[in-house]
Amino acid sequence: MLEKIRIILVNTSHTGNIGSTARAMKTMGLSNLWLVDPVSKPDSHSSALAAGATDVLGNAKIVETLDEAIAGCRLVIATSARSRTLSWPELSPRESGIKLIQEAQHDEGEVALIFGRENNGLNNEELQKANFHAIIPANPDYSSLNLAAAVQTLCYEVRMAYLQQQEFEKQETPYPLVDDMERFYLHLEQTLVGTDFIVKNHPGQVMAKLKRLFNRARPEAQELNILRGILASVDKLTKK
Protein backbone atom coordinates (compact mmCIF):
# COMPACT_ATOMS: atom_id res chain seq x y z
CA MET A 1 0.00 0.00 0.00
CA LEU A 2 2.75 2.47 0.95
CA GLU A 3 4.66 1.68 -2.24
CA LYS A 4 1.74 3.11 -4.22
CA ILE A 5 2.15 6.55 -2.67
CA ARG A 6 4.33 8.83 -4.79
CA ILE A 7 6.18 11.67 -3.10
CA ILE A 8 6.83 14.23 -5.83
CA LEU A 9 9.30 17.12 -5.55
CA VAL A 10 8.98 19.85 -8.17
CA ASN A 11 11.99 21.80 -9.41
CA THR A 12 14.01 21.33 -6.21
CA SER A 13 16.94 23.76 -5.96
CA HIS A 14 19.14 22.16 -3.30
CA THR A 15 20.28 18.57 -3.65
CA GLY A 16 20.54 18.29 0.13
CA ASN A 17 16.77 18.70 0.36
CA ILE A 18 16.33 15.73 -1.94
CA GLY A 19 18.46 13.60 0.38
CA SER A 20 16.63 14.86 3.48
CA THR A 21 13.31 14.06 1.80
CA ALA A 22 14.46 10.49 1.12
CA ARG A 23 15.35 10.15 4.79
CA ALA A 24 12.00 11.58 5.90
CA MET A 25 10.19 9.15 3.59
CA LYS A 26 12.08 6.04 4.68
CA THR A 27 11.50 6.69 8.39
CA MET A 28 7.77 6.52 7.63
CA GLY A 29 8.00 3.48 5.33
CA LEU A 30 7.63 5.33 2.01
CA SER A 31 9.95 4.71 -0.92
CA ASN A 32 8.31 5.98 -4.12
CA LEU A 33 10.18 9.24 -4.81
CA TRP A 34 9.72 11.29 -8.00
CA LEU A 35 11.77 14.35 -8.97
CA VAL A 36 10.32 16.79 -11.49
CA ASP A 37 12.92 18.89 -13.29
CA PRO A 38 15.34 19.25 -10.35
CA VAL A 39 17.86 22.08 -10.72
CA SER A 40 20.58 19.51 -10.01
CA LYS A 41 20.32 15.74 -9.89
CA PRO A 42 21.02 13.92 -6.60
CA ASP A 43 24.70 14.00 -5.71
CA SER A 44 27.05 13.15 -2.86
CA HIS A 45 25.48 15.88 -0.73
CA SER A 46 22.09 14.24 -1.25
CA SER A 47 23.50 10.88 -0.23
CA ALA A 48 25.07 12.34 2.89
CA LEU A 49 21.80 13.88 4.06
CA ALA A 50 19.83 10.77 3.11
CA ALA A 51 21.62 9.13 6.07
CA GLY A 52 20.86 5.50 5.26
CA ALA A 53 18.00 6.15 2.85
CA THR A 54 20.23 6.00 -0.23
CA ASP A 55 18.07 3.17 -1.60
CA VAL A 56 15.11 5.56 -1.78
CA LEU A 57 17.37 8.17 -3.34
CA GLY A 58 18.88 5.74 -5.83
CA ASN A 59 15.48 4.52 -7.00
CA ALA A 60 14.05 8.02 -7.44
CA LYS A 61 12.45 8.61 -10.83
CA ILE A 62 13.49 11.84 -12.55
CA VAL A 63 11.10 13.32 -15.12
CA GLU A 64 10.84 16.64 -16.91
CA THR A 65 7.20 17.54 -16.24
CA LEU A 66 4.66 17.24 -13.46
CA ASP A 67 2.26 15.60 -15.90
CA GLU A 68 4.70 12.72 -16.27
CA ALA A 69 5.03 12.38 -12.49
CA ILE A 70 1.28 12.15 -11.86
CA ALA A 71 0.42 10.02 -14.90
CA GLY A 72 -1.54 6.93 -13.86
CA CYS A 73 -2.54 8.37 -10.47
CA ARG A 74 -6.09 8.11 -9.18
CA LEU A 75 -5.62 10.81 -6.52
CA VAL A 76 -3.35 13.86 -6.43
CA ILE A 77 -2.82 16.06 -3.37
CA ALA A 78 -0.65 19.17 -3.66
CA THR A 79 0.84 21.01 -0.70
CA SER A 80 0.25 24.74 -0.51
CA ALA A 81 1.33 27.27 2.10
CA ARG A 82 -0.79 30.19 0.97
CA SER A 83 -4.34 30.86 -0.18
CA ARG A 84 -4.97 31.35 -3.89
CA THR A 85 -7.36 33.51 -5.87
CA LEU A 86 -9.28 30.41 -6.94
CA SER A 87 -10.39 28.41 -3.91
CA TRP A 88 -9.68 24.67 -4.02
CA PRO A 89 -10.81 21.77 -1.78
CA GLU A 90 -8.44 21.74 1.18
CA LEU A 91 -7.33 18.98 3.54
CA SER A 92 -5.40 19.05 6.78
CA PRO A 93 -2.28 16.85 7.00
CA ARG A 94 -4.30 14.27 8.96
CA GLU A 95 -7.11 14.25 6.42
CA SER A 96 -4.53 13.99 3.64
CA GLY A 97 -2.93 10.92 5.22
CA ILE A 98 -6.28 9.20 5.61
CA LYS A 99 -7.33 10.05 2.07
CA LEU A 100 -4.08 8.80 0.56
CA ILE A 101 -4.26 5.48 2.42
CA GLN A 102 -7.91 4.97 1.51
CA GLU A 103 -7.19 5.52 -2.19
CA ALA A 104 -3.94 3.53 -2.17
CA GLN A 105 -5.88 0.39 -1.25
CA HIS A 106 -7.44 0.21 -4.72
CA ASP A 107 -5.82 -2.10 -7.23
CA GLU A 108 -5.82 0.40 -10.07
CA GLY A 109 -3.64 3.50 -10.06
CA GLU A 110 -1.29 5.10 -7.56
CA VAL A 111 -1.69 8.25 -5.46
CA ALA A 112 0.54 11.32 -5.35
CA LEU A 113 1.58 13.93 -2.83
CA ILE A 114 3.28 16.94 -4.46
CA PHE A 115 5.73 19.40 -2.85
CA GLY A 116 6.83 22.59 -4.55
CA ARG A 117 9.97 24.69 -4.80
CA GLU A 118 11.86 25.76 -1.69
CA ASN A 119 11.37 29.48 -2.35
CA ASN A 120 7.84 29.77 -3.72
CA GLY A 121 6.13 26.38 -3.70
CA LEU A 122 3.86 25.33 -6.56
CA ASN A 123 2.44 27.76 -9.09
CA ASN A 124 -1.27 28.03 -9.82
CA GLU A 125 -1.12 25.85 -12.92
CA GLU A 126 0.58 23.08 -10.95
CA LEU A 127 -1.83 23.38 -8.03
CA GLN A 128 -4.79 23.05 -10.38
CA LYS A 129 -3.62 19.58 -11.40
CA ALA A 130 -4.47 18.32 -7.89
CA ASN A 131 -7.75 17.01 -6.49
CA PHE A 132 -7.03 18.56 -3.10
CA HIS A 133 -4.61 20.99 -1.48
CA ALA A 134 -2.94 20.02 1.78
CA ILE A 135 -2.38 22.92 4.18
CA ILE A 136 -0.08 22.53 7.20
CA PRO A 137 -1.57 24.71 9.99
CA ALA A 138 1.73 26.25 11.04
CA ASN A 139 2.20 29.30 13.24
CA PRO A 140 0.71 32.20 11.22
CA ASP A 141 3.39 34.53 12.58
CA TYR A 142 6.14 32.21 11.33
CA SER A 143 4.87 29.58 8.92
CA SER A 144 8.13 28.97 7.05
CA LEU A 145 8.75 25.21 6.89
CA ASN A 146 11.75 23.82 5.04
CA LEU A 147 11.00 21.23 2.39
CA ALA A 148 12.11 18.16 4.35
CA ALA A 149 10.11 19.24 7.41
CA ALA A 150 6.97 19.58 5.30
CA VAL A 151 7.58 16.15 3.76
CA GLN A 152 8.15 14.65 7.21
CA THR A 153 4.91 16.15 8.53
CA LEU A 154 2.78 14.74 5.72
CA CYS A 155 4.56 11.38 5.62
CA TYR A 156 4.00 10.98 9.36
CA GLU A 157 0.25 11.43 8.88
CA VAL A 158 0.32 8.91 6.03
CA ARG A 159 2.01 6.38 8.31
CA MET A 160 -0.43 6.99 11.16
CA ALA A 161 -3.36 6.40 8.81
CA TYR A 162 -1.64 3.26 7.49
CA LEU A 163 -1.07 1.86 10.99
CA GLN A 164 -4.69 2.50 11.94
CA GLN A 165 -5.80 0.67 8.81
CA GLN A 166 -3.51 -2.27 9.63
CA GLU A 167 -4.84 -2.42 13.19
CA PHE A 168 -8.41 -2.45 11.89
CA GLU A 169 -7.62 -5.29 9.49
CA LYS A 170 -5.94 -7.34 12.23
CA GLN A 171 -9.00 -7.12 14.45
CA GLU A 172 -10.37 -10.57 13.70
CA THR A 173 -12.43 -11.12 16.86
CA PRO A 174 -15.87 -9.55 16.41
CA TYR A 175 -17.76 -7.76 19.11
CA PRO A 176 -21.02 -9.33 20.35
CA LEU A 177 -24.38 -8.04 19.17
CA VAL A 178 -26.67 -6.09 21.45
CA ASP A 179 -28.91 -9.19 21.68
CA ASP A 180 -25.95 -11.23 22.95
CA MET A 181 -25.20 -8.63 25.61
CA GLU A 182 -28.82 -8.62 26.77
CA ARG A 183 -28.78 -12.41 27.14
CA PHE A 184 -25.56 -12.09 29.13
CA TYR A 185 -27.10 -9.49 31.44
CA LEU A 186 -30.16 -11.71 32.00
CA HIS A 187 -27.90 -14.68 32.76
CA LEU A 188 -25.75 -12.56 35.08
CA GLU A 189 -28.76 -11.31 37.01
CA GLN A 190 -30.20 -14.82 37.38
CA THR A 191 -26.85 -16.11 38.65
CA LEU A 192 -26.46 -13.27 41.16
CA VAL A 193 -29.99 -13.87 42.41
CA GLY A 194 -29.15 -17.57 42.75
CA THR A 195 -26.12 -16.77 44.92
CA ASP A 196 -28.14 -14.22 46.97
CA PHE A 197 -25.79 -11.43 45.86
CA ILE A 198 -28.91 -9.71 44.54
CA VAL A 199 -32.05 -9.80 46.65
CA LYS A 200 -34.85 -10.41 44.16
CA ASN A 201 -37.41 -8.14 45.89
CA HIS A 202 -34.84 -5.38 46.50
CA PRO A 203 -32.37 -5.50 43.59
CA GLY A 204 -31.18 -1.91 43.98
CA GLN A 205 -28.84 -0.50 41.32
CA VAL A 206 -26.50 -3.49 41.07
CA MET A 207 -27.47 -4.53 37.54
CA ALA A 208 -27.54 -0.96 36.26
CA LYS A 209 -23.98 -0.42 37.51
CA LEU A 210 -22.79 -3.76 36.15
CA LYS A 211 -24.28 -2.93 32.74
CA ARG A 212 -22.46 0.38 32.80
CA LEU A 213 -19.23 -1.45 33.67
CA PHE A 214 -19.49 -4.02 30.86
CA ASN A 215 -20.70 -1.47 28.28
CA ARG A 216 -17.67 0.64 29.08
CA ALA A 217 -15.32 -2.37 28.89
CA ARG A 218 -17.01 -3.60 25.68
CA PRO A 219 -15.93 -7.28 25.85
CA GLU A 220 -15.21 -9.07 22.57
CA ALA A 221 -17.36 -12.01 21.52
CA GLN A 222 -14.81 -14.55 22.74
CA GLU A 223 -14.48 -12.74 26.07
CA LEU A 224 -18.26 -12.74 26.46
CA ASN A 225 -18.30 -16.50 25.90
CA ILE A 226 -15.77 -16.88 28.72
CA LEU A 227 -17.96 -14.80 31.03
CA ARG A 228 -21.00 -16.91 30.12
CA GLY A 229 -18.97 -20.03 30.86
CA ILE A 230 -18.00 -18.67 34.29
CA LEU A 231 -21.66 -17.97 35.06
CA ALA A 232 -22.61 -21.47 33.94
CA SER A 233 -20.03 -23.00 36.31
CA VAL A 234 -21.42 -20.92 39.18
CA ASP A 235 -24.96 -22.00 38.30
CA LYS A 236 -23.88 -25.65 38.44
CA LEU A 237 -22.50 -25.22 41.96
CA THR A 238 -25.53 -23.32 43.26
CA LYS A 239 -27.87 -26.03 41.96
CA LYS A 240 -25.88 -28.64 43.92
C-alpha atoms as a PDB file:
ATOM      1  CA  MET A   1       0.000   0.000   0.000  1.00  0.00           C
ATOM      2  CA  LEU A   2       2.750   2.467   0.951  1.00  0.00           C
ATOM      3  CA  GLU A   3       4.665   1.685  -2.241  1.00  0.00           C
ATOM      4  CA  LYS A   4       1.741   3.108  -4.222  1.00  0.00           C
ATOM      5  CA  ILE A   5       2.152   6.551  -2.668  1.00  0.00           C
ATOM      6  CA  ARG A   6       4.326   8.829  -4.793  1.00  0.00           C
ATOM      7  CA  ILE A   7       6.177  11.672  -3.097  1.00  0.00           C
ATOM      8  CA  ILE A   8       6.831  14.235  -5.832  1.00  0.00           C
ATOM      9  CA  LEU A   9       9.296  17.123  -5.548  1.00  0.00           C
ATOM     10  CA  VAL A  10       8.981  19.847  -8.172  1.00  0.00           C
ATOM     11  CA  ASN A  11      11.992  21.805  -9.412  1.00  0.00           C
ATOM     12  CA  THR A  12      14.011  21.331  -6.214  1.00  0.00           C
ATOM     13  CA  SER A  13      16.937  23.756  -5.955  1.00  0.00           C
ATOM     14  CA  HIS A  14      19.137  22.156  -3.304  1.00  0.00           C
ATOM     15  CA  THR A  15      20.281  18.571  -3.655  1.00  0.00           C
ATOM     16  CA  GLY A  16      20.539  18.288   0.126  1.00  0.00           C
ATOM     17  CA  ASN A  17      16.771  18.700   0.362  1.00  0.00           C
ATOM     18  CA  ILE A  18      16.327  15.725  -1.941  1.00  0.00           C
ATOM     19  CA  GLY A  19      18.456  13.601   0.376  1.00  0.00           C
ATOM     20  CA  SER A  20      16.625  14.861   3.485  1.00  0.00           C
ATOM     21  CA  THR A  21      13.310  14.056   1.799  1.00  0.00           C
ATOM     22  CA  ALA A  22      14.464  10.492   1.116  1.00  0.00           C
ATOM     23  CA  ARG A  23      15.350  10.146   4.795  1.00  0.00           C
ATOM     24  CA  ALA A  24      11.997  11.578   5.898  1.00  0.00           C
ATOM     25  CA  MET A  25      10.193   9.155   3.593  1.00  0.00           C
ATOM     26  CA  LYS A  26      12.082   6.038   4.678  1.00  0.00           C
ATOM     27  CA  THR A  27      11.505   6.686   8.386  1.00  0.00           C
ATOM     28  CA  MET A  28       7.771   6.515   7.628  1.00  0.00           C
ATOM     29  CA  GLY A  29       7.996   3.476   5.326  1.00  0.00           C
ATOM     30  CA  LEU A  30       7.630   5.326   2.014  1.00  0.00           C
ATOM     31  CA  SER A  31       9.949   4.706  -0.916  1.00  0.00           C
ATOM     32  CA  ASN A  32       8.305   5.977  -4.121  1.00  0.00           C
ATOM     33  CA  LEU A  33      10.177   9.242  -4.808  1.00  0.00           C
ATOM     34  CA  TRP A  34       9.721  11.286  -7.997  1.00  0.00           C
ATOM     35  CA  LEU A  35      11.767  14.349  -8.974  1.00  0.00           C
ATOM     36  CA  VAL A  36      10.315  16.794 -11.492  1.00  0.00           C
ATOM     37  CA  ASP A  37      12.920  18.894 -13.292  1.00  0.00           C
ATOM     38  CA  PRO A  38      15.336  19.249 -10.351  1.00  0.00           C
ATOM     39  CA  VAL A  39      17.858  22.080 -10.719  1.00  0.00           C
ATOM     40  CA  SER A  40      20.582  19.506 -10.009  1.00  0.00           C
ATOM     41  CA  LYS A  41      20.317  15.743  -9.885  1.00  0.00           C
ATOM     42  CA  PRO A  42      21.023  13.915  -6.603  1.00  0.00           C
ATOM     43  CA  ASP A  43      24.701  14.004  -5.713  1.00  0.00           C
ATOM     44  CA  SER A  44      27.053  13.150  -2.860  1.00  0.00           C
ATOM     45  CA  HIS A  45      25.484  15.883  -0.732  1.00  0.00           C
ATOM     46  CA  SER A  46      22.089  14.245  -1.253  1.00  0.00           C
ATOM     47  CA  SER A  47      23.501  10.881  -0.230  1.00  0.00           C
ATOM     48  CA  ALA A  48      25.070  12.337   2.894  1.00  0.00           C
ATOM     49  CA  LEU A  49      21.798  13.877   4.061  1.00  0.00           C
ATOM     50  CA  ALA A  50      19.826  10.768   3.113  1.00  0.00           C
ATOM     51  CA  ALA A  51      21.623   9.129   6.070  1.00  0.00           C
ATOM     52  CA  GLY A  52      20.865   5.498   5.259  1.00  0.00           C
ATOM     53  CA  ALA A  53      17.995   6.148   2.847  1.00  0.00           C
ATOM     54  CA  THR A  54      20.233   5.998  -0.225  1.00  0.00           C
ATOM     55  CA  ASP A  55      18.073   3.172  -1.595  1.00  0.00           C
ATOM     56  CA  VAL A  56      15.108   5.560  -1.784  1.00  0.00           C
ATOM     57  CA  LEU A  57      17.374   8.171  -3.341  1.00  0.00           C
ATOM     58  CA  GLY A  58      18.881   5.743  -5.835  1.00  0.00           C
ATOM     59  CA  ASN A  59      15.481   4.523  -6.996  1.00  0.00           C
ATOM     60  CA  ALA A  60      14.049   8.023  -7.440  1.00  0.00           C
ATOM     61  CA  LYS A  61      12.454   8.610 -10.828  1.00  0.00           C
ATOM     62  CA  ILE A  62      13.495  11.838 -12.554  1.00  0.00           C
ATOM     63  CA  VAL A  63      11.095  13.322 -15.122  1.00  0.00           C
ATOM     64  CA  GLU A  64      10.844  16.641 -16.912  1.00  0.00           C
ATOM     65  CA  THR A  65       7.205  17.544 -16.241  1.00  0.00           C
ATOM     66  CA  LEU A  66       4.664  17.237 -13.458  1.00  0.00           C
ATOM     67  CA  ASP A  67       2.258  15.604 -15.900  1.00  0.00           C
ATOM     68  CA  GLU A  68       4.699  12.718 -16.267  1.00  0.00           C
ATOM     69  CA  ALA A  69       5.029  12.382 -12.489  1.00  0.00           C
ATOM     70  CA  ILE A  70       1.278  12.148 -11.862  1.00  0.00           C
ATOM     71  CA  ALA A  71       0.425  10.016 -14.903  1.00  0.00           C
ATOM     72  CA  GLY A  72      -1.540   6.929 -13.863  1.00  0.00           C
ATOM     73  CA  CYS A  73      -2.539   8.374 -10.473  1.00  0.00           C
ATOM     74  CA  ARG A  74      -6.091   8.108  -9.179  1.00  0.00           C
ATOM     75  CA  LEU A  75      -5.624  10.812  -6.522  1.00  0.00           C
ATOM     76  CA  VAL A  76      -3.347  13.861  -6.431  1.00  0.00           C
ATOM     77  CA  ILE A  77      -2.820  16.065  -3.375  1.00  0.00           C
ATOM     78  CA  ALA A  78      -0.649  19.171  -3.658  1.00  0.00           C
ATOM     79  CA  THR A  79       0.838  21.006  -0.700  1.00  0.00           C
ATOM     80  CA  SER A  80       0.250  24.737  -0.515  1.00  0.00           C
ATOM     81  CA  ALA A  81       1.326  27.266   2.096  1.00  0.00           C
ATOM     82  CA  ARG A  82      -0.791  30.185   0.966  1.00  0.00           C
ATOM     83  CA  SER A  83      -4.343  30.857  -0.182  1.00  0.00           C
ATOM     84  CA  ARG A  84      -4.968  31.353  -3.889  1.00  0.00           C
ATOM     85  CA  THR A  85      -7.363  33.510  -5.867  1.00  0.00           C
ATOM     86  CA  LEU A  86      -9.281  30.412  -6.936  1.00  0.00           C
ATOM     87  CA  SER A  87     -10.395  28.412  -3.910  1.00  0.00           C
ATOM     88  CA  TRP A  88      -9.681  24.671  -4.017  1.00  0.00           C
ATOM     89  CA  PRO A  89     -10.807  21.770  -1.782  1.00  0.00           C
ATOM     90  CA  GLU A  90      -8.441  21.741   1.180  1.00  0.00           C
ATOM     91  CA  LEU A  91      -7.328  18.976   3.538  1.00  0.00           C
ATOM     92  CA  SER A  92      -5.402  19.048   6.784  1.00  0.00           C
ATOM     93  CA  PRO A  93      -2.282  16.850   7.002  1.00  0.00           C
ATOM     94  CA  ARG A  94      -4.295  14.266   8.962  1.00  0.00           C
ATOM     95  CA  GLU A  95      -7.107  14.247   6.421  1.00  0.00           C
ATOM     96  CA  SER A  96      -4.531  13.987   3.643  1.00  0.00           C
ATOM     97  CA  GLY A  97      -2.932  10.924   5.220  1.00  0.00           C
ATOM     98  CA  ILE A  98      -6.280   9.199   5.615  1.00  0.00           C
ATOM     99  CA  LYS A  99      -7.332  10.053   2.068  1.00  0.00           C
ATOM    100  CA  LEU A 100      -4.078   8.803   0.555  1.00  0.00           C
ATOM    101  CA  ILE A 101      -4.255   5.482   2.420  1.00  0.00           C
ATOM    102  CA  GLN A 102      -7.907   4.972   1.506  1.00  0.00           C
ATOM    103  CA  GLU A 103      -7.191   5.518  -2.185  1.00  0.00           C
ATOM    104  CA  ALA A 104      -3.937   3.531  -2.172  1.00  0.00           C
ATOM    105  CA  GLN A 105      -5.881   0.391  -1.255  1.00  0.00           C
ATOM    106  CA  HIS A 106      -7.442   0.213  -4.721  1.00  0.00           C
ATOM    107  CA  ASP A 107      -5.824  -2.103  -7.227  1.00  0.00           C
ATOM    108  CA  GLU A 108      -5.824   0.400 -10.070  1.00  0.00           C
ATOM    109  CA  GLY A 109      -3.640   3.496 -10.062  1.00  0.00           C
ATOM    110  CA  GLU A 110      -1.295   5.105  -7.557  1.00  0.00           C
ATOM    111  CA  VAL A 111      -1.693   8.250  -5.460  1.00  0.00           C
ATOM    112  CA  ALA A 112       0.535  11.316  -5.351  1.00  0.00           C
ATOM    113  CA  LEU A 113       1.581  13.932  -2.832  1.00  0.00           C
ATOM    114  CA  ILE A 114       3.284  16.945  -4.459  1.00  0.00           C
ATOM    115  CA  PHE A 115       5.728  19.397  -2.851  1.00  0.00           C
ATOM    116  CA  GLY A 116       6.833  22.591  -4.551  1.00  0.00           C
ATOM    117  CA  ARG A 117       9.971  24.693  -4.796  1.00  0.00           C
ATOM    118  CA  GLU A 118      11.857  25.763  -1.693  1.00  0.00           C
ATOM    119  CA  ASN A 119      11.373  29.478  -2.353  1.00  0.00           C
ATOM    120  CA  ASN A 120       7.837  29.770  -3.721  1.00  0.00           C
ATOM    121  CA  GLY A 121       6.128  26.379  -3.704  1.00  0.00           C
ATOM    122  CA  LEU A 122       3.865  25.331  -6.558  1.00  0.00           C
ATOM    123  CA  ASN A 123       2.440  27.758  -9.088  1.00  0.00           C
ATOM    124  CA  ASN A 124      -1.274  28.033  -9.822  1.00  0.00           C
ATOM    125  CA  GLU A 125      -1.120  25.850 -12.915  1.00  0.00           C
ATOM    126  CA  GLU A 126       0.576  23.075 -10.948  1.00  0.00           C
ATOM    127  CA  LEU A 127      -1.829  23.384  -8.029  1.00  0.00           C
ATOM    128  CA  GLN A 128      -4.787  23.053 -10.379  1.00  0.00           C
ATOM    129  CA  LYS A 129      -3.622  19.576 -11.401  1.00  0.00           C
ATOM    130  CA  ALA A 130      -4.473  18.316  -7.893  1.00  0.00           C
ATOM    131  CA  ASN A 131      -7.751  17.014  -6.489  1.00  0.00           C
ATOM    132  CA  PHE A 132      -7.026  18.559  -3.102  1.00  0.00           C
ATOM    133  CA  HIS A 133      -4.610  20.991  -1.481  1.00  0.00           C
ATOM    134  CA  ALA A 134      -2.940  20.018   1.783  1.00  0.00           C
ATOM    135  CA  ILE A 135      -2.376  22.915   4.179  1.00  0.00           C
ATOM    136  CA  ILE A 136      -0.077  22.530   7.202  1.00  0.00           C
ATOM    137  CA  PRO A 137      -1.569  24.705   9.987  1.00  0.00           C
ATOM    138  CA  ALA A 138       1.735  26.248  11.037  1.00  0.00           C
ATOM    139  CA  ASN A 139       2.203  29.302  13.240  1.00  0.00           C
ATOM    140  CA  PRO A 140       0.711  32.204  11.219  1.00  0.00           C
ATOM    141  CA  ASP A 141       3.391  34.528  12.577  1.00  0.00           C
ATOM    142  CA  TYR A 142       6.143  32.214  11.331  1.00  0.00           C
ATOM    143  CA  SER A 143       4.875  29.582   8.918  1.00  0.00           C
ATOM    144  CA  SER A 144       8.134  28.967   7.046  1.00  0.00           C
ATOM    145  CA  LEU A 145       8.754  25.214   6.893  1.00  0.00           C
ATOM    146  CA  ASN A 146      11.747  23.820   5.038  1.00  0.00           C
ATOM    147  CA  LEU A 147      11.002  21.226   2.388  1.00  0.00           C
ATOM    148  CA  ALA A 148      12.114  18.156   4.353  1.00  0.00           C
ATOM    149  CA  ALA A 149      10.108  19.237   7.412  1.00  0.00           C
ATOM    150  CA  ALA A 150       6.967  19.578   5.298  1.00  0.00           C
ATOM    151  CA  VAL A 151       7.584  16.153   3.763  1.00  0.00           C
ATOM    152  CA  GLN A 152       8.153  14.648   7.214  1.00  0.00           C
ATOM    153  CA  THR A 153       4.905  16.146   8.534  1.00  0.00           C
ATOM    154  CA  LEU A 154       2.782  14.744   5.721  1.00  0.00           C
ATOM    155  CA  CYS A 155       4.560  11.377   5.622  1.00  0.00           C
ATOM    156  CA  TYR A 156       3.998  10.977   9.360  1.00  0.00           C
ATOM    157  CA  GLU A 157       0.254  11.428   8.880  1.00  0.00           C
ATOM    158  CA  VAL A 158       0.317   8.908   6.031  1.00  0.00           C
ATOM    159  CA  ARG A 159       2.010   6.383   8.308  1.00  0.00           C
ATOM    160  CA  MET A 160      -0.430   6.987  11.161  1.00  0.00           C
ATOM    161  CA  ALA A 161      -3.365   6.400   8.809  1.00  0.00           C
ATOM    162  CA  TYR A 162      -1.637   3.265   7.487  1.00  0.00           C
ATOM    163  CA  LEU A 163      -1.069   1.859  10.989  1.00  0.00           C
ATOM    164  CA  GLN A 164      -4.694   2.498  11.943  1.00  0.00           C
ATOM    165  CA  GLN A 165      -5.801   0.667   8.809  1.00  0.00           C
ATOM    166  CA  GLN A 166      -3.507  -2.268   9.633  1.00  0.00           C
ATOM    167  CA  GLU A 167      -4.836  -2.423  13.188  1.00  0.00           C
ATOM    168  CA  PHE A 168      -8.409  -2.445  11.887  1.00  0.00           C
ATOM    169  CA  GLU A 169      -7.620  -5.288   9.486  1.00  0.00           C
ATOM    170  CA  LYS A 170      -5.937  -7.338  12.233  1.00  0.00           C
ATOM    171  CA  GLN A 171      -8.998  -7.121  14.446  1.00  0.00           C
ATOM    172  CA  GLU A 172     -10.370 -10.571  13.700  1.00  0.00           C
ATOM    173  CA  THR A 173     -12.428 -11.117  16.855  1.00  0.00           C
ATOM    174  CA  PRO A 174     -15.866  -9.551  16.407  1.00  0.00           C
ATOM    175  CA  TYR A 175     -17.763  -7.758  19.115  1.00  0.00           C
ATOM    176  CA  PRO A 176     -21.022  -9.330  20.346  1.00  0.00           C
ATOM    177  CA  LEU A 177     -24.383  -8.041  19.168  1.00  0.00           C
ATOM    178  CA  VAL A 178     -26.673  -6.090  21.454  1.00  0.00           C
ATOM    179  CA  ASP A 179     -28.905  -9.190  21.679  1.00  0.00           C
ATOM    180  CA  ASP A 180     -25.946 -11.231  22.947  1.00  0.00           C
ATOM    181  CA  MET A 181     -25.204  -8.629  25.614  1.00  0.00           C
ATOM    182  CA  GLU A 182     -28.819  -8.617  26.773  1.00  0.00           C
ATOM    183  CA  ARG A 183     -28.782 -12.410  27.138  1.00  0.00           C
ATOM    184  CA  PHE A 184     -25.564 -12.093  29.132  1.00  0.00           C
ATOM    185  CA  TYR A 185     -27.099  -9.491  31.440  1.00  0.00           C
ATOM    186  CA  LEU A 186     -30.156 -11.709  31.997  1.00  0.00           C
ATOM    187  CA  HIS A 187     -27.899 -14.683  32.755  1.00  0.00           C
ATOM    188  CA  LEU A 188     -25.747 -12.558  35.083  1.00  0.00           C
ATOM    189  CA  GLU A 189     -28.761 -11.313  37.009  1.00  0.00           C
ATOM    190  CA  GLN A 190     -30.202 -14.815  37.377  1.00  0.00           C
ATOM    191  CA  THR A 191     -26.854 -16.106  38.655  1.00  0.00           C
ATOM    192  CA  LEU A 192     -26.459 -13.267  41.160  1.00  0.00           C
ATOM    193  CA  VAL A 193     -29.987 -13.866  42.411  1.00  0.00           C
ATOM    194  CA  GLY A 194     -29.152 -17.567  42.746  1.00  0.00           C
ATOM    195  CA  THR A 195     -26.122 -16.767  44.925  1.00  0.00           C
ATOM    196  CA  ASP A 196     -28.139 -14.217  46.967  1.00  0.00           C
ATOM    197  CA  PHE A 197     -25.793 -11.433  45.865  1.00  0.00           C
ATOM    198  CA  ILE A 198     -28.913  -9.706  44.543  1.00  0.00           C
ATOM    199  CA  VAL A 199     -32.051  -9.800  46.650  1.00  0.00           C
ATOM    200  CA  LYS A 200     -34.851 -10.408  44.162  1.00  0.00           C
ATOM    201  CA  ASN A 201     -37.407  -8.137  45.885  1.00  0.00           C
ATOM    202  CA  HIS A 202     -34.845  -5.377  46.503  1.00  0.00           C
ATOM    203  CA  PRO A 203     -32.369  -5.505  43.586  1.00  0.00           C
ATOM    204  CA  GLY A 204     -31.176  -1.909  43.981  1.00  0.00           C
ATOM    205  CA  GLN A 205     -28.841  -0.504  41.319  1.00  0.00           C
ATOM    206  CA  VAL A 206     -26.504  -3.489  41.071  1.00  0.00           C
ATOM    207  CA  MET A 207     -27.473  -4.529  37.544  1.00  0.00           C
ATOM    208  CA  ALA A 208     -27.535  -0.965  36.259  1.00  0.00           C
ATOM    209  CA  LYS A 209     -23.982  -0.424  37.509  1.00  0.00           C
ATOM    210  CA  LEU A 210     -22.791  -3.765  36.148  1.00  0.00           C
ATOM    211  CA  LYS A 211     -24.282  -2.929  32.740  1.00  0.00           C
ATOM    212  CA  ARG A 212     -22.456   0.375  32.804  1.00  0.00           C
ATOM    213  CA  LEU A 213     -19.231  -1.446  33.665  1.00  0.00           C
ATOM    214  CA  PHE A 214     -19.494  -4.021  30.856  1.00  0.00           C
ATOM    215  CA  ASN A 215     -20.699  -1.473  28.285  1.00  0.00           C
ATOM    216  CA  ARG A 216     -17.665   0.640  29.084  1.00  0.00           C
ATOM    217  CA  ALA A 217     -15.324  -2.367  28.889  1.00  0.00           C
ATOM    218  CA  ARG A 218     -17.005  -3.601  25.681  1.00  0.00           C
ATOM    219  CA  PRO A 219     -15.926  -7.284  25.850  1.00  0.00           C
ATOM    220  CA  GLU A 220     -15.210  -9.071  22.573  1.00  0.00           C
ATOM    221  CA  ALA A 221     -17.362 -12.013  21.516  1.00  0.00           C
ATOM    222  CA  GLN A 222     -14.808 -14.550  22.737  1.00  0.00           C
ATOM    223  CA  GLU A 223     -14.484 -12.740  26.072  1.00  0.00           C
ATOM    224  CA  LEU A 224     -18.261 -12.742  26.457  1.00  0.00           C
ATOM    225  CA  ASN A 225     -18.296 -16.500  25.897  1.00  0.00           C
ATOM    226  CA  ILE A 226     -15.772 -16.878  28.718  1.00  0.00           C
ATOM    227  CA  LEU A 227     -17.963 -14.805  31.027  1.00  0.00           C
ATOM    228  CA  ARG A 228     -21.000 -16.908  30.118  1.00  0.00           C
ATOM    229  CA  GLY A 229     -18.969 -20.027  30.861  1.00  0.00           C
ATOM    230  CA  ILE A 230     -18.002 -18.670  34.291  1.00  0.00           C
ATOM    231  CA  LEU A 231     -21.662 -17.971  35.063  1.00  0.00           C
ATOM    232  CA  ALA A 232     -22.613 -21.474  33.936  1.00  0.00           C
ATOM    233  CA  SER A 233     -20.027 -22.998  36.307  1.00  0.00           C
ATOM    234  CA  VAL A 234     -21.418 -20.918  39.184  1.00  0.00           C
ATOM    235  CA  ASP A 235     -24.964 -21.997  38.299  1.00  0.00           C
ATOM    236  CA  LYS A 236     -23.884 -25.652  38.436  1.00  0.00           C
ATOM    237  CA  LEU A 237     -22.498 -25.222  41.956  1.00  0.00           C
ATOM    238  CA  THR A 238     -25.526 -23.317  43.260  1.00  0.00           C
ATOM    239  CA  LYS A 239     -27.868 -26.025  41.961  1.00  0.00           C
ATOM    240  CA  LYS A 240     -25.884 -28.640  43.918  1.00  0.00           C
END
